[in-house]
Protein backbone atom coordinates (compact mmCIF):
# COMPACT_ATOMS: atom_id res chain seq x y z
CA MET A 1 22.95 -4.53 2.39
CA PRO A 2 25.38 -1.98 0.83
CA GLY A 3 25.19 -0.55 -2.73
CA ILE A 4 21.57 0.27 -3.87
CA GLU A 5 19.33 3.08 -2.53
CA PRO A 6 16.21 1.76 -0.88
CA LEU A 7 12.73 1.96 -2.43
CA ARG A 8 10.30 4.29 -0.49
CA GLY A 9 6.65 4.80 -0.42
CA SER A 10 3.72 5.65 1.74
CA CYS A 11 -0.03 6.00 1.96
CA GLN A 12 -1.83 8.91 0.44
CA CYS A 13 -2.03 10.86 3.59
CA GLY A 14 1.68 9.97 4.76
CA ARG A 15 0.75 8.46 8.01
CA ASN A 16 2.13 5.24 6.87
CA GLN A 17 5.68 5.20 5.50
CA TYR A 18 7.95 2.54 4.42
CA GLN A 19 11.24 1.57 2.81
CA ILE A 20 12.50 -1.44 1.05
CA ARG A 21 16.25 -2.16 1.42
CA LEU A 22 17.94 -3.87 -1.62
CA PRO A 23 20.90 -5.91 -1.70
CA ASP A 24 23.13 -6.09 -4.90
CA ASN A 25 21.50 -9.57 -5.92
CA VAL A 26 17.92 -8.06 -5.92
CA THR A 27 16.89 -9.78 -8.98
CA ASP A 28 17.42 -13.17 -7.31
CA HIS A 29 14.62 -12.62 -4.60
CA ALA A 30 12.38 -9.86 -5.93
CA TYR A 31 10.16 -9.23 -8.91
CA VAL A 32 7.13 -7.26 -10.06
CA TYR A 33 3.80 -9.18 -10.91
CA PHE A 34 0.39 -8.38 -11.99
CA ASP A 35 -2.71 -10.04 -10.43
CA THR A 36 -6.24 -10.26 -11.54
CA THR A 37 -7.56 -12.63 -8.82
CA ARG A 38 -10.97 -11.84 -7.23
CA ASP A 39 -9.56 -10.85 -3.71
CA ASN A 40 -7.01 -8.42 -5.21
CA ARG A 41 -9.60 -7.06 -7.56
CA ARG A 42 -12.08 -6.34 -4.79
CA PHE A 43 -9.48 -5.16 -2.20
CA HIS A 44 -8.23 -2.55 -4.55
CA ALA A 45 -11.47 -2.13 -6.56
CA SER A 46 -9.53 -2.24 -9.65
CA PRO A 47 -9.59 -5.14 -12.56
CA LEU A 48 -5.71 -5.21 -12.36
CA THR A 49 -3.22 -4.89 -9.45
CA ALA A 50 0.41 -4.48 -9.42
CA TRP A 51 2.76 -5.78 -6.82
CA LEU A 52 6.45 -5.86 -5.87
CA ARG A 53 7.12 -9.22 -4.20
CA VAL A 54 10.24 -8.91 -1.81
CA PRO A 55 11.59 -10.85 1.25
CA LEU A 56 10.06 -9.78 4.63
CA THR A 57 13.48 -8.88 6.06
CA TRP A 58 13.81 -6.19 3.32
CA TYR A 59 10.77 -4.35 4.26
CA GLN A 60 10.57 -1.74 7.10
CA SER A 61 7.67 0.57 8.10
CA HIS A 62 6.62 3.17 10.68
CA THR A 63 3.65 5.22 11.39
CA GLU A 64 3.14 8.99 11.97
CA SER A 65 0.33 10.48 13.95
CA TYR A 66 -0.90 13.82 13.04
CA PHE A 67 -3.36 14.24 16.14
CA PRO A 68 -3.01 13.20 19.75
CA ASP A 69 -5.80 10.48 19.60
CA GLU A 70 -4.23 8.62 16.65
CA THR A 71 -2.28 5.41 17.59
CA HIS A 72 -0.25 2.99 15.76
CA ALA A 73 -3.21 0.47 15.60
CA THR A 74 -5.68 2.95 13.97
CA ILE A 75 -3.25 4.03 11.44
CA ARG A 76 -1.72 0.81 10.31
CA ARG A 77 -5.00 -1.35 9.96
CA ILE A 78 -4.77 -5.01 9.02
CA PHE A 79 -7.50 -7.05 7.44
CA SER A 80 -7.84 -10.92 7.00
CA PRO A 81 -10.94 -11.96 5.34
CA HIS A 82 -13.04 -14.93 6.76
CA HIS A 83 -12.71 -17.10 3.57
CA ALA A 84 -8.80 -16.45 3.74
CA PRO A 85 -7.61 -16.34 7.36
CA HIS A 86 -4.09 -17.19 6.24
CA THR A 87 -3.76 -13.88 4.48
CA GLN A 88 -3.18 -10.23 5.76
CA ARG A 89 -3.71 -7.03 4.05
CA VAL A 90 -2.27 -3.89 5.47
CA PHE A 91 -3.96 -0.47 4.72
CA CYS A 92 -4.07 2.99 6.17
CA GLY A 93 -6.95 3.45 8.59
CA TYR A 94 -7.41 7.05 7.72
CA CYS A 95 -6.99 7.49 3.73
CA GLY A 96 -7.51 3.79 3.03
CA THR A 97 -4.58 3.39 0.62
CA PRO A 98 -3.75 -0.52 0.23
CA LEU A 99 -0.07 -1.15 1.11
CA THR A 100 0.93 -4.69 1.54
CA TYR A 101 -0.38 -8.28 1.03
CA TRP A 102 1.01 -11.30 2.87
CA ARG A 103 -0.03 -14.99 2.79
CA GLU A 104 1.26 -18.10 4.50
CA GLU A 105 -0.15 -20.62 2.01
CA PRO A 106 1.90 -22.18 0.40
CA ARG A 107 4.28 -22.24 3.46
CA GLU A 108 7.26 -20.77 1.61
CA GLU A 109 5.22 -17.57 0.82
CA ALA A 110 5.47 -16.66 4.37
CA GLU A 111 8.92 -15.37 4.15
CA TYR A 112 7.81 -12.65 1.51
CA MET A 113 5.88 -9.61 1.23
CA SER A 114 3.85 -8.29 -1.67
CA VAL A 115 3.95 -4.45 -1.75
CA SER A 116 1.46 -2.31 -3.88
CA ILE A 117 3.30 -0.62 -6.48
CA GLY A 118 1.04 2.21 -6.60
CA SER A 119 2.07 3.27 -2.84
CA LEU A 120 5.62 3.49 -4.03
CA TYR A 121 6.87 7.12 -4.67
CA GLY A 122 6.92 8.07 -8.45
CA ASP A 123 10.79 8.07 -8.72
CA ASP A 124 10.93 4.69 -7.14
CA GLN A 125 8.19 3.30 -9.47
CA ARG A 126 10.35 4.34 -12.33
CA MET A 127 13.49 2.54 -10.82
CA LEU A 128 11.97 -0.81 -10.97
CA GLU A 129 12.91 -1.15 -14.70
CA ASP A 130 16.55 -0.05 -13.92
CA LEU A 131 16.59 -2.73 -11.38
CA ASP A 132 15.46 -5.31 -13.75
CA LEU A 133 12.49 -6.28 -11.79
CA LEU A 134 9.82 -6.15 -14.53
CA PRO A 135 8.08 -9.33 -15.84
CA PRO A 136 9.98 -10.83 -18.79
CA GLU A 137 8.75 -9.88 -22.04
CA THR A 138 6.62 -12.17 -24.18
CA PRO A 139 8.21 -13.93 -27.30
CA SER A 140 9.12 -11.49 -29.82
CA GLN A 141 7.03 -10.95 -33.00
CA SER A 142 7.91 -12.52 -36.30
CA SER A 143 10.16 -10.58 -38.69
CA ASP A 144 7.29 -10.01 -41.04
CA GLU A 145 5.12 -8.59 -38.20
CA GLU A 146 8.10 -6.31 -37.13
CA ALA A 147 8.40 -5.09 -40.74
CA GLU A 148 4.89 -4.30 -41.16
CA GLU A 149 4.92 -2.31 -38.06
CA GLU A 150 7.92 -0.27 -39.11
CA ASP A 151 6.25 0.37 -42.57
CA SER A 152 3.17 1.55 -40.72
CA ASP A 153 5.23 3.78 -38.63
CA GLY A 154 7.04 5.18 -41.62
CA GLU A 155 3.46 5.93 -43.17
CA GLU A 156 2.18 7.64 -39.99
CA ASP A 157 5.34 9.90 -39.82
CA GLU A 158 4.70 10.88 -43.34
CA ASP A 159 1.07 11.91 -42.55
CA ASN A 160 2.32 14.00 -39.54
CA ASP A 161 4.80 15.97 -41.65
CA GLU A 162 2.11 16.70 -44.42
CA GLU A 163 -0.47 18.19 -42.05
CA LYS A 164 -1.96 21.49 -42.96
CA ASP A 165 -1.58 24.63 -40.84
CA VAL A 166 -5.06 25.57 -39.23
CA GLU A 167 -6.04 29.05 -39.59
CA GLN A 168 -6.45 30.66 -36.14
CA PRO A 169 -8.47 33.64 -34.83
CA GLU A 170 -6.22 36.93 -34.64
CA GLY A 171 -4.43 37.40 -31.46
CA ALA A 172 -5.30 33.53 -30.20
CA ARG A 173 -2.71 31.74 -27.98
CA GLN A 174 -1.77 28.33 -28.90
CA VAL A 175 -1.29 25.71 -26.39
CA VAL A 176 0.96 22.71 -27.66
CA VAL A 177 0.21 19.31 -26.03
CA THR A 178 3.08 17.08 -26.32
CA PRO A 179 2.84 13.28 -25.66
CA VAL A 180 5.39 11.45 -23.46
CA ALA A 181 8.41 10.12 -25.40
CA THR A 182 7.36 6.60 -24.95
CA SER A 183 4.17 7.09 -26.70
CA ARG A 184 5.34 6.52 -30.35
CA GLY A 185 3.18 7.63 -33.27
CA SER A 186 1.19 10.17 -31.40
CA PRO A 187 1.59 13.70 -32.87
CA SER A 188 1.58 16.92 -30.85
CA SER A 189 -1.88 18.50 -30.66
CA ASN A 190 -2.85 22.16 -30.78
CA VAL A 191 -5.51 23.72 -28.55
CA VAL A 192 -6.56 27.24 -29.68
CA ILE A 193 -7.70 29.69 -26.84
CA PRO A 194 -9.63 32.80 -28.20
CA PRO A 195 -8.12 36.15 -27.43
CA GLY A 196 -9.17 38.30 -24.61
CA LEU A 197 -10.34 35.82 -22.10
CA GLY A 198 -7.27 35.96 -19.69
CA VAL A 199 -7.42 32.24 -19.29
CA SER A 200 -4.96 30.28 -17.09
CA ARG A 201 -4.37 26.63 -18.21
CA SER A 202 -3.67 23.61 -16.29
CA TYR A 203 -3.18 20.29 -18.30
CA ARG A 204 -1.32 17.02 -18.13
CA HIS A 205 1.29 15.59 -20.55
CA GLY A 206 1.06 12.02 -21.71
CA THR A 207 -1.12 9.36 -20.42
CA LEU A 208 -0.35 7.71 -17.18
CA ASP A 209 1.47 10.59 -15.33
CA GLY A 210 5.18 9.45 -15.26
CA ILE A 211 5.69 5.50 -15.41
CA PRO A 212 7.31 5.06 -18.91
CA TRP A 213 8.05 1.26 -18.41
CA PHE A 214 4.11 0.76 -17.79
CA GLU A 215 3.18 2.86 -20.81
CA GLU A 216 5.61 1.10 -22.91
CA MET A 217 4.12 -2.11 -21.68
CA ILE A 218 0.72 -1.41 -22.78
CA ASP A 219 1.77 0.41 -26.00
CA GLY A 220 -0.16 -0.89 -28.96
CA SER A 221 -3.02 -2.57 -26.72
CA ARG A 222 -6.47 -1.39 -26.38
CA LEU A 223 -5.74 0.02 -23.08
CA GLY A 224 -2.74 1.81 -24.33
CA ARG A 225 -4.80 3.41 -27.21
CA LEU A 226 -7.34 4.36 -24.59
CA MET A 227 -5.00 5.98 -22.32
CA LYS A 228 -3.37 8.15 -25.03
CA THR A 229 -6.34 10.47 -25.04
CA ARG A 230 -5.18 13.58 -23.55
CA ARG A 231 -7.41 15.85 -21.46
CA GLY A 232 -7.08 19.37 -19.79
CA ALA A 233 -9.12 22.07 -18.14
CA GLY A 234 -8.83 25.73 -17.37
CA VAL A 235 -10.61 28.59 -15.93
CA SER A 236 -10.51 32.40 -16.35
CA ASP A 237 -8.58 34.76 -13.93
CA ASP A 238 -11.92 36.18 -12.53
CA ARG A 239 -13.30 32.54 -12.16
CA SER A 240 -16.22 33.47 -14.50
CA THR A 241 -15.22 31.11 -17.37
CA SER A 242 -14.22 27.47 -17.21
CA PHE A 243 -13.47 24.96 -20.04
CA GLU A 244 -12.32 21.47 -20.59
CA TRP A 245 -10.87 19.83 -23.66
CA GLU A 246 -9.80 16.45 -24.96
CA VAL A 247 -7.58 15.69 -27.80
CA SER A 248 -7.40 12.55 -29.90
CA GLU A 249 -5.85 11.52 -33.27
CA TRP A 250 -7.94 12.42 -36.09
CA THR A 251 -8.44 11.60 -39.80
CA SER A 252 -10.81 12.98 -42.51
CA GLY A 253 -14.22 13.18 -41.26
CA GLU A 254 -14.01 10.89 -38.08
CA THR A 255 -12.14 10.67 -34.83
CA GLN A 256 -10.22 7.60 -33.70
CA ALA A 257 -8.15 6.59 -30.74
CA ALA A 258 -4.43 7.26 -31.36
CA GLY A 259 -2.47 4.33 -32.52
CA LYS A 260 -0.80 2.42 -35.41
CA ARG A 261 -2.59 2.26 -38.61
CA LYS A 262 -2.37 -1.21 -40.50
CA ARG A 263 -0.87 -1.31 -44.02
CA GLY A 264 -3.78 -0.37 -46.55
CA GLN A 265 -5.28 2.26 -44.24
CA HIS A 266 -3.17 5.07 -45.47
CA THR A 267 -4.82 8.49 -45.04
CA ASN A 268 -4.17 11.29 -47.59
CA VAL A 269 -4.16 14.50 -45.29
CA GLU A 270 -4.31 16.70 -48.31
CA ASP A 271 -7.98 15.60 -49.06
CA ALA A 272 -9.10 16.17 -45.54
């Protein structure tokens, strides 16, 4: 299987590691899918699960023990529920990370393995788009809807250009929080730290920590608007003072989730 670098992943603690070897015709046999069935929801404790389905022969795994009393059987745990004995779910026996899902009904599915996308390394998750493994897009919007979105984008850009400078305390330091490139229509946000605190900052950029294709997939949806909220935290050098902050798009007199405004909802920033 020459040509393409294998995808790699592991559990949270690193005891379970795997790689998925990819042939040149990867799109003929593998794809990404999202699932909301009851069993997958409960196994992941999440309303939405994401999987990469690949042939069994592509998947190779091994375990690493950190202490003498750890064995392959205690590290790589397999669970088959009573109501679905034809399925197997592999997870780490120490950190609990869900790794794979396999079933033999219908019979043809026994030749495939579903790997949890969240267990792939970050760079390998981003590769899924380049490999053309993502679900196909839904039918495109009508030309009228696209034109309306373009108009609303233009109005929003004009609003951002007209924002007023906010007066800051003398000697204050300014932290600029910039959303990821895929989050269109979200302006940079400024956080002012009063002088003399000696505060060290830690904050995250963007929304979902580095999976652009997923952020683009939910852009404009209710979930996408929710995840555009940006949060951070900091603590003073002497550990005596700590703070947390959250930044959302705002208009005159009210706070709203970041997102596109519809035609007719233009806000005059000069009146704010």
